[in-house]
Structure formats: C-alpha cells, structure tokens
PDB file of N, CA and C in Angstrom:
ATOM      1  N   MET A   1     -77.216 -91.199 -25.962  1.00  0.00           N
ATOM      2  CA  MET A   1     -77.970 -89.465 -26.590  1.00  0.00           C
ATOM      3  C   MET A   1     -76.381 -88.546 -25.925  1.00  0.00           C
ATOM      4  N   LYS A   2     -76.141 -89.114 -24.764  1.00  0.00           N
ATOM      5  CA  LYS A   2     -75.021 -88.151 -24.414  1.00  0.00           C
ATOM      6  C   LYS A   2     -74.053 -87.858 -24.902  1.00  0.00           C
ATOM      7  N   ARG A   3     -73.781 -89.427 -25.728  1.00  0.00           N
ATOM      8  CA  ARG A   3     -72.296 -89.587 -26.267  1.00  0.00           C
ATOM      9  C   ARG A   3     -71.957 -88.867 -27.487  1.00  0.00           C
ATOM     10  N   LEU A   4     -73.232 -89.021 -28.075  1.00  0.00           N
ATOM     11  CA  LEU A   4     -73.509 -87.714 -29.346  1.00  0.00           C
ATOM     12  C   LEU A   4     -73.277 -86.539 -28.806  1.00  0.00           C
ATOM     13  N   VAL A   5     -73.686 -86.206 -28.021  1.00  0.00           N
ATOM     14  CA  VAL A   5     -73.966 -84.399 -27.622  1.00  0.00           C
ATOM     15  C   VAL A   5     -72.413 -84.448 -27.304  1.00  0.00           C
ATOM     16  N   TRP A   6     -71.861 -85.419 -26.443  1.00  0.00           N
ATOM     17  CA  TRP A   6     -70.415 -84.944 -26.081  1.00  0.00           C
ATOM     18  C   TRP A   6     -69.253 -84.674 -27.495  1.00  0.00           C
ATOM     19  N   MET A   7     -70.021 -85.728 -28.102  1.00  0.00           N
ATOM     20  CA  MET A   7     -69.121 -85.857 -29.515  1.00  0.00           C
ATOM     21  C   MET A   7     -69.315 -84.289 -30.288  1.00  0.00           C
ATOM     22  N   SER A   8     -70.622 -84.040 -30.403  1.00  0.00           N
ATOM     23  CA  SER A   8     -70.997 -83.148 -30.885  1.00  0.00           C
ATOM     24  C   SER A   8     -70.029 -81.592 -30.883  1.00  0.00           C
ATOM     25  N   ALA A   9     -70.168 -81.563 -29.514  1.00  0.00           N
ATOM     26  CA  ALA A   9     -69.150 -80.462 -29.017  1.00  0.00           C
ATOM     27  C   ALA A   9     -67.952 -80.773 -28.826  1.00  0.00           C
ATOM     28  N   VAL A  10     -66.717 -81.926 -28.660  1.00  0.00           N
ATOM     29  CA  VAL A  10     -65.923 -81.776 -29.521  1.00  0.00           C
ATOM     30  C   VAL A  10     -65.635 -81.188 -30.411  1.00  0.00           C
ATOM     31  N   ALA A  11     -66.213 -81.692 -31.042  1.00  0.00           N
ATOM     32  CA  ALA A  11     -66.192 -81.477 -32.832  1.00  0.00           C
ATOM     33  C   ALA A  11     -66.394 -79.972 -33.308  1.00  0.00           C
ATOM     34  N   ALA A  12     -67.081 -79.309 -32.495  1.00  0.00           N
ATOM     35  CA  ALA A  12     -67.236 -77.524 -32.869  1.00  0.00           C
ATOM     36  C   ALA A  12     -66.214 -77.292 -32.042  1.00  0.00           C
ATOM     37  N   MET A  13     -65.326 -77.212 -31.182  1.00  0.00           N
ATOM     38  CA  MET A  13     -64.912 -76.973 -30.272  1.00  0.00           C
ATOM     39  C   MET A  13     -63.162 -77.092 -31.054  1.00  0.00           C
ATOM     40  N   THR A  14     -63.642 -78.256 -31.879  1.00  0.00           N
ATOM     41  CA  THR A  14     -61.988 -77.812 -32.775  1.00  0.00           C
ATOM     42  C   THR A  14     -62.245 -77.371 -33.620  1.00  0.00           C
ATOM     43  N   LEU A  15     -63.240 -77.525 -34.302  1.00  0.00           N
ATOM     44  CA  LEU A  15     -63.657 -76.269 -35.746  1.00  0.00           C
ATOM     45  C   LEU A  15     -63.267 -74.827 -35.396  1.00  0.00           C
ATOM     46  N   LEU A  16     -63.605 -74.462 -34.218  1.00  0.00           N
ATOM     47  CA  LEU A  16     -63.821 -73.132 -33.316  1.00  0.00           C
ATOM     48  C   LEU A  16     -62.102 -72.874 -33.202  1.00  0.00           C
ATOM     49  N   GLY A  17     -61.608 -73.671 -32.913  1.00  0.00           N
ATOM     50  CA  GLY A  17     -60.123 -73.658 -32.972  1.00  0.00           C
ATOM     51  C   GLY A  17     -59.214 -73.610 -33.859  1.00  0.00           C
ATOM     52  N   ALA A  18     -59.877 -74.140 -34.677  1.00  0.00           N
ATOM     53  CA  ALA A  18     -58.583 -73.871 -35.751  1.00  0.00           C
ATOM     54  C   ALA A  18     -58.727 -72.988 -37.043  1.00  0.00           C
ATOM     55  N   CYS A  19     -59.673 -71.946 -36.531  1.00  0.00           N
ATOM     56  CA  CYS A  19     -60.084 -70.715 -37.457  1.00  0.00           C
ATOM     57  C   CYS A  19     -59.418 -69.816 -36.991  1.00  0.00           C
ATOM     58  N   THR A  20     -58.658 -69.914 -36.049  1.00  0.00           N
ATOM     59  CA  THR A  20     -57.940 -68.542 -35.129  1.00  0.00           C
ATOM     60  C   THR A  20     -56.829 -67.962 -35.805  1.00  0.00           C
ATOM     61  N   ASN A  21     -56.051 -68.841 -36.869  1.00  0.00           N
ATOM     62  CA  ASN A  21     -54.811 -68.137 -37.291  1.00  0.00           C
ATOM     63  C   ASN A  21     -54.991 -68.344 -39.103  1.00  0.00           C
ATOM     64  N   MET A  22     -56.211 -68.156 -39.466  1.00  0.00           N
ATOM     65  CA  MET A  22     -56.389 -67.483 -40.887  1.00  0.00           C
ATOM     66  C   MET A  22     -56.157 -66.409 -41.270  1.00  0.00           C
ATOM     67  N   THR A  23     -55.595 -66.717 -42.580  1.00  0.00           N
ATOM     68  CA  THR A  23     -55.722 -65.728 -43.506  1.00  0.00           C
ATOM     69  C   THR A  23     -56.902 -64.901 -43.760  1.00  0.00           C
ATOM     70  N   PRO A  24     -57.252 -63.490 -44.483  1.00  0.00           N
ATOM     71  CA  PRO A  24     -58.758 -62.939 -44.779  1.00  0.00           C
ATOM     72  C   PRO A  24     -58.691 -64.134 -45.825  1.00  0.00           C
ATOM     73  N   GLN A  25     -58.492 -64.095 -46.878  1.00  0.00           N
ATOM     74  CA  GLN A  25     -58.619 -65.466 -47.766  1.00  0.00           C
ATOM     75  C   GLN A  25     -59.306 -66.666 -47.446  1.00  0.00           C
ATOM     76  N   GLN A  26     -59.165 -66.987 -46.396  1.00  0.00           N
ATOM     77  CA  GLN A  26     -59.164 -68.105 -45.950  1.00  0.00           C
ATOM     78  C   GLN A  26     -60.585 -68.346 -45.356  1.00  0.00           C
ATOM     79  N   GLN A  27     -60.505 -67.196 -44.821  1.00  0.00           N
ATOM     80  CA  GLN A  27     -62.079 -67.251 -43.581  1.00  0.00           C
ATOM     81  C   GLN A  27     -62.972 -66.842 -44.625  1.00  0.00           C
ATOM     82  N   GLY A  28     -62.424 -66.288 -45.619  1.00  0.00           N
ATOM     83  CA  GLY A  28     -64.132 -65.452 -46.778  1.00  0.00           C
ATOM     84  C   GLY A  28     -63.982 -67.082 -47.382  1.00  0.00           C
ATOM     85  N   THR A  29     -63.590 -67.666 -47.654  1.00  0.00           N
ATOM     86  CA  THR A  29     -63.304 -68.889 -48.565  1.00  0.00           C
ATOM     87  C   THR A  29     -64.139 -69.884 -47.302  1.00  0.00           C
ATOM     88  N   MET A  30     -64.117 -70.477 -45.880  1.00  0.00           N
ATOM     89  CA  MET A  30     -64.658 -71.000 -45.077  1.00  0.00           C
ATOM     90  C   MET A  30     -66.064 -70.142 -44.990  1.00  0.00           C
ATOM     91  N   SER A  31     -66.367 -69.266 -44.797  1.00  0.00           N
ATOM     92  CA  SER A  31     -67.707 -68.442 -44.075  1.00  0.00           C
ATOM     93  C   SER A  31     -68.473 -68.714 -45.592  1.00  0.00           C
ATOM     94  N   GLY A  32     -67.659 -68.331 -47.051  1.00  0.00           N
ATOM     95  CA  GLY A  32     -68.783 -68.134 -48.150  1.00  0.00           C
ATOM     96  C   GLY A  32     -69.387 -70.156 -48.521  1.00  0.00           C
ATOM     97  N   ALA A  33     -68.657 -70.942 -47.913  1.00  0.00           N
ATOM     98  CA  ALA A  33     -69.270 -72.451 -48.542  1.00  0.00           C
ATOM     99  C   ALA A  33     -69.328 -72.669 -47.311  1.00  0.00           C
ATOM    100  N   GLY A  34     -69.826 -72.439 -46.139  1.00  0.00           N
ATOM    101  CA  GLY A  34     -71.183 -72.536 -45.528  1.00  0.00           C
ATOM    102  C   GLY A  34     -72.181 -71.740 -45.306  1.00  0.00           C
ATOM    103  N   MET A  35     -72.067 -70.433 -45.498  1.00  0.00           N
ATOM    104  CA  MET A  35     -73.359 -69.963 -46.218  1.00  0.00           C
ATOM    105  C   MET A  35     -74.233 -70.195 -47.011  1.00  0.00           C
ATOM    106  N   GLY A  36     -73.005 -70.669 -47.716  1.00  0.00           N
ATOM    107  CA  GLY A  36     -73.737 -70.892 -49.292  1.00  0.00           C
ATOM    108  C   GLY A  36     -74.323 -72.508 -49.367  1.00  0.00           C
ATOM    109  N   ALA A  37     -73.722 -73.536 -48.490  1.00  0.00           N
ATOM    110  CA  ALA A  37     -74.023 -74.488 -48.063  1.00  0.00           C
ATOM    111  C   ALA A  37     -76.086 -74.852 -47.418  1.00  0.00           C
ATOM    112  N   LEU A  38     -75.793 -73.562 -46.466  1.00  0.00           N
ATOM    113  CA  LEU A  38     -77.201 -72.944 -46.021  1.00  0.00           C
ATOM    114  C   LEU A  38     -78.373 -72.797 -46.808  1.00  0.00           C
ATOM    115  N   GLY A  39     -77.626 -71.972 -47.710  1.00  0.00           N
ATOM    116  CA  GLY A  39     -79.011 -71.304 -48.835  1.00  0.00           C
ATOM    117  C   GLY A  39     -79.149 -72.075 -49.806  1.00  0.00           C
ATOM    118  N   GLY A  40     -78.204 -73.449 -50.170  1.00  0.00           N
ATOM    119  CA  GLY A  40     -78.072 -74.301 -51.448  1.00  0.00           C
ATOM    120  C   GLY A  40     -79.489 -74.939 -50.644  1.00  0.00           C
ATOM    121  N   ALA A  41     -79.225 -75.574 -49.610  1.00  0.00           N
ATOM    122  CA  ALA A  41     -79.782 -76.359 -48.849  1.00  0.00           C
ATOM    123  C   ALA A  41     -81.786 -76.127 -48.909  1.00  0.00           C
ATOM    124  N   GLY A  42     -81.286 -74.998 -48.158  1.00  0.00           N
ATOM    125  CA  GLY A  42     -82.726 -74.085 -48.115  1.00  0.00           C
ATOM    126  C   GLY A  42     -83.348 -74.060 -49.195  1.00  0.00           C
ATOM    127  N   ILE A  43     -82.819 -73.496 -50.152  1.00  0.00           N
ATOM    128  CA  ILE A  43     -83.825 -73.313 -51.830  1.00  0.00           C
ATOM    129  C   ILE A  43     -84.022 -74.568 -52.581  1.00  0.00           C
ATOM    130  N   ALA A  44     -82.822 -75.807 -52.518  1.00  0.00           N
ATOM    131  CA  ALA A  44     -82.960 -77.162 -52.847  1.00  0.00           C
ATOM    132  C   ALA A  44     -84.938 -77.577 -52.215  1.00  0.00           C
ATOM    133  N   ALA A  45     -84.628 -76.905 -51.097  1.00  0.00           N
ATOM    134  CA  ALA A  45     -85.514 -78.182 -49.806  1.00  0.00           C
ATOM    135  C   ALA A  45     -87.150 -77.311 -49.710  1.00  0.00           C
ATOM    136  N   ILE A  46     -87.452 -76.134 -50.729  1.00  0.00           N
ATOM    137  CA  ILE A  46     -88.004 -75.082 -51.131  1.00  0.00           C
ATOM    138  C   ILE A  46     -88.534 -75.539 -52.270  1.00  0.00           C
ATOM    139  N   ALA A  47     -87.788 -75.764 -53.015  1.00  0.00           N
ATOM    140  CA  ALA A  47     -88.262 -75.840 -54.300  1.00  0.00           C
ATOM    141  C   ALA A  47     -88.145 -77.698 -54.894  1.00  0.00           C
ATOM    142  N   GLY A  48     -88.290 -78.186 -53.770  1.00  0.00           N
ATOM    143  CA  GLY A  48     -89.053 -80.149 -53.895  1.00  0.00           C
ATOM    144  C   GLY A  48     -87.749 -80.651 -54.434  1.00  0.00           C
ATOM    145  N   GLY A  49     -86.341 -80.154 -54.238  1.00  0.00           N
ATOM    146  CA  GLY A  49     -85.074 -80.725 -54.679  1.00  0.00           C
ATOM    147  C   GLY A  49     -84.542 -81.398 -53.301  1.00  0.00           C
ATOM    148  N   ASP A  50     -83.387 -82.588 -54.165  1.00  0.00           N
ATOM    149  CA  ASP A  50     -82.502 -83.134 -53.172  1.00  0.00           C
ATOM    150  C   ASP A  50     -81.444 -82.079 -52.105  1.00  0.00           C
ATOM    151  N   ALA A  51     -81.774 -81.563 -51.115  1.00  0.00           N
ATOM    152  CA  ALA A  51     -80.979 -80.844 -50.093  1.00  0.00           C
ATOM    153  C   ALA A  51     -79.706 -81.146 -50.257  1.00  0.00           C
ATOM    154  N   TRP A  52     -79.620 -82.030 -49.849  1.00  0.00           N
ATOM    155  CA  TRP A  52     -77.829 -82.263 -49.747  1.00  0.00           C
ATOM    156  C   TRP A  52     -76.978 -82.084 -51.362  1.00  0.00           C
ATOM    157  N   THR A  53     -78.103 -82.159 -52.420  1.00  0.00           N
ATOM    158  CA  THR A  53     -76.932 -81.506 -53.591  1.00  0.00           C
ATOM    159  C   THR A  53     -77.491 -80.162 -53.347  1.00  0.00           C
ATOM    160  N   GLY A  54     -78.210 -79.515 -52.832  1.00  0.00           N
ATOM    161  CA  GLY A  54     -78.601 -77.820 -52.771  1.00  0.00           C
ATOM    162  C   GLY A  54     -77.284 -77.201 -51.852  1.00  0.00           C
ATOM    163  N   ALA A  55     -76.897 -78.406 -50.855  1.00  0.00           N
ATOM    164  CA  ALA A  55     -76.304 -77.988 -50.350  1.00  0.00           C
ATOM    165  C   ALA A  55     -74.710 -78.316 -50.756  1.00  0.00           C
ATOM    166  N   ALA A  56     -74.652 -78.889 -51.215  1.00  0.00           N
ATOM    167  CA  ALA A  56     -72.978 -78.919 -51.908  1.00  0.00           C
ATOM    168  C   ALA A  56     -72.637 -78.032 -53.420  1.00  0.00           C
ATOM    169  N   ILE A  57     -73.540 -78.197 -53.840  1.00  0.00           N
ATOM    170  CA  ILE A  57     -73.569 -76.823 -55.016  1.00  0.00           C
ATOM    171  C   ILE A  57     -73.281 -75.231 -54.172  1.00  0.00           C
ATOM    172  N   GLY A  58     -74.330 -75.462 -53.353  1.00  0.00           N
ATOM    173  CA  GLY A  58     -74.145 -74.147 -52.670  1.00  0.00           C
ATOM    174  C   GLY A  58     -73.315 -73.481 -51.897  1.00  0.00           C
ATOM    175  N   ALA A  59     -72.105 -74.695 -51.366  1.00  0.00           N
ATOM    176  CA  ALA A  59     -70.909 -74.318 -50.860  1.00  0.00           C
ATOM    177  C   ALA A  59     -69.950 -74.302 -51.384  1.00  0.00           C
ATOM    178  N   LEU A  60     -69.638 -74.672 -52.810  1.00  0.00           N
ATOM    179  CA  LEU A  60     -68.793 -74.734 -53.597  1.00  0.00           C
ATOM    180  C   LEU A  60     -69.210 -73.696 -54.313  1.00  0.00           C
ATOM    181  N   ALA A  61     -70.152 -72.695 -54.581  1.00  0.00           N
ATOM    182  CA  ALA A  61     -70.684 -71.571 -54.985  1.00  0.00           C
ATOM    183  C   ALA A  61     -70.147 -70.717 -54.129  1.00  0.00           C
ATOM    184  N   GLY A  62     -70.707 -70.636 -53.277  1.00  0.00           N
ATOM    185  CA  GLY A  62     -70.094 -69.736 -51.942  1.00  0.00           C
ATOM    186  C   GLY A  62     -68.551 -69.667 -51.784  1.00  0.00           C
ATOM    187  N   GLY A  63     -67.689 -71.071 -51.684  1.00  0.00           N
ATOM    188  CA  GLY A  63     -66.450 -70.997 -50.890  1.00  0.00           C
ATOM    189  C   GLY A  63     -65.904 -70.312 -52.611  1.00  0.00           C
ATOM    190  N   VAL A  64     -66.022 -69.860 -53.602  1.00  0.00           N
ATOM    191  CA  VAL A  64     -65.802 -69.372 -54.778  1.00  0.00           C
ATOM    192  C   VAL A  64     -65.712 -68.226 -54.178  1.00  0.00           C
ATOM    193  N   ALA A  65     -66.491 -67.644 -54.095  1.00  0.00           N
ATOM    194  CA  ALA A  65     -66.810 -66.229 -54.517  1.00  0.00           C
ATOM    195  C   ALA A  65     -66.242 -65.364 -52.663  1.00  0.00           C
ATOM    196  N   GLY A  66     -66.716 -66.611 -51.562  1.00  0.00           N
ATOM    197  CA  GLY A  66     -65.831 -66.253 -50.522  1.00  0.00           C
ATOM    198  C   GLY A  66     -64.736 -66.480 -50.845  1.00  0.00           C
ATOM    199  N   ASN A  67     -63.705 -66.330 -51.463  1.00  0.00           N
ATOM    200  CA  ASN A  67     -62.297 -67.216 -52.057  1.00  0.00           C
ATOM    201  C   ASN A  67     -61.732 -65.807 -52.295  1.00  0.00           C
ATOM    202  N   ILE A  68     -62.441 -65.579 -53.549  1.00  0.00           N
ATOM    203  CA  ILE A  68     -62.611 -64.363 -54.323  1.00  0.00           C
ATOM    204  C   ILE A  68     -62.482 -62.576 -53.013  1.00  0.00           C
ATOM    205  N   LYS A  69     -63.583 -62.818 -52.913  1.00  0.00           N
ATOM    206  CA  LYS A  69     -63.522 -61.554 -51.707  1.00  0.00           C
ATOM    207  C   LYS A  69     -62.550 -61.415 -50.297  1.00  0.00           C
ATOM    208  N   GLY A  70     -62.654 -62.921 -49.750  1.00  0.00           N
ATOM    209  CA  GLY A  70     -61.146 -62.710 -48.859  1.00  0.00           C
ATOM    210  C   GLY A  70     -59.975 -62.601 -49.384  1.00  0.00           C
ATOM    211  N   GLY A  71     -59.736 -63.081 -51.223  1.00  0.00           N
ATOM    212  CA  GLY A  71     -58.436 -62.557 -51.278  1.00  0.00           C
ATOM    213  C   GLY A  71     -58.425 -61.359 -52.083  1.00  0.00           C
ATOM    214  N   ARG A  72     -59.444 -60.124 -52.602  1.00  0.00           N
ATOM    215  CA  ARG A  72     -59.340 -58.925 -52.444  1.00  0.00           C
ATOM    216  C   ARG A  72     -59.092 -57.961 -51.202  1.00  0.00           C
ATOM    217  N   GLN A  73     -59.982 -58.715 -49.803  1.00  0.00           N
ATOM    218  CA  GLN A  73     -59.352 -58.101 -48.644  1.00  0.00           C
ATOM    219  C   GLN A  73     -58.153 -58.229 -48.678  1.00  0.00           C
ATOM    220  N   GLN A  74     -57.659 -59.167 -48.245  1.00  0.00           N
ATOM    221  CA  GLN A  74     -56.376 -59.395 -48.276  1.00  0.00           C
ATOM    222  C   GLN A  74     -54.971 -58.429 -48.735  1.00  0.00           C
ATOM    223  N   GLN A  75     -54.688 -58.737 -50.423  1.00  0.00           N
ATOM    224  CA  GLN A  75     -54.351 -57.672 -51.028  1.00  0.00           C
ATOM    225  C   GLN A  75     -54.521 -55.464 -50.738  1.00  0.00           C
ATOM    226  N   SER A  76     -55.783 -55.963 -50.378  1.00  0.00           N
ATOM    227  CA  SER A  76     -56.076 -53.979 -50.108  1.00  0.00           C
ATOM    228  C   SER A  76     -55.297 -54.106 -48.673  1.00  0.00           C
ATOM    229  N   GLY A  77     -54.924 -54.953 -47.569  1.00  0.00           N
ATOM    230  CA  GLY A  77     -54.784 -55.302 -46.396  1.00  0.00           C
ATOM    231  C   GLY A  77     -56.024 -54.498 -45.382  1.00  0.00           C
ATOM    232  N   TRP A  78     -57.124 -55.224 -46.009  1.00  0.00           N
ATOM    233  CA  TRP A  78     -57.928 -54.947 -45.109  1.00  0.00           C
ATOM    234  C   TRP A  78     -57.792 -55.534 -43.495  1.00  0.00           C
TER     235      TRP A  78
END
C-alpha cells in the first residue's frame, strides 16, 4: 500500500511539472480531455453503460473542444 501511494505521488508531480510550459491550445486540449473523461464516465455510469467507454468518448470530445477553444485564445493573444 505504501508503494502505491508513493508511485501515485511521483506520477502526480511528474504530470503537474509537465504542464508548466504549455501553449494555451495545449492547455485547453488537456483540460478539455480531463473534464470530458470525468463527465463521460459519470454520465455512462448513471445511464448504466460502461464507464471506461464513456470516459474515452468524453476525453476525445473534450479534447477536441478544448483544442479549438485554446487555439482561439492563442490567436487572440489572451
């Protein structure tokens, strides 16, 4: 159990450190994919479907939407 907590902490630190030098488009893609995965898994679980499939579809849709939004922010210099 201790090993799992340690590995999770290291993975979280690595992922957070990797997000420091992203463009707005990249940040939008990652944020959209994360939120889409959570939303898709939740909706699939409530509807009685497979949560993993819902998460995959939600991550794909959220990533595309976040990429578009981030690209627009990057073009406008926001």
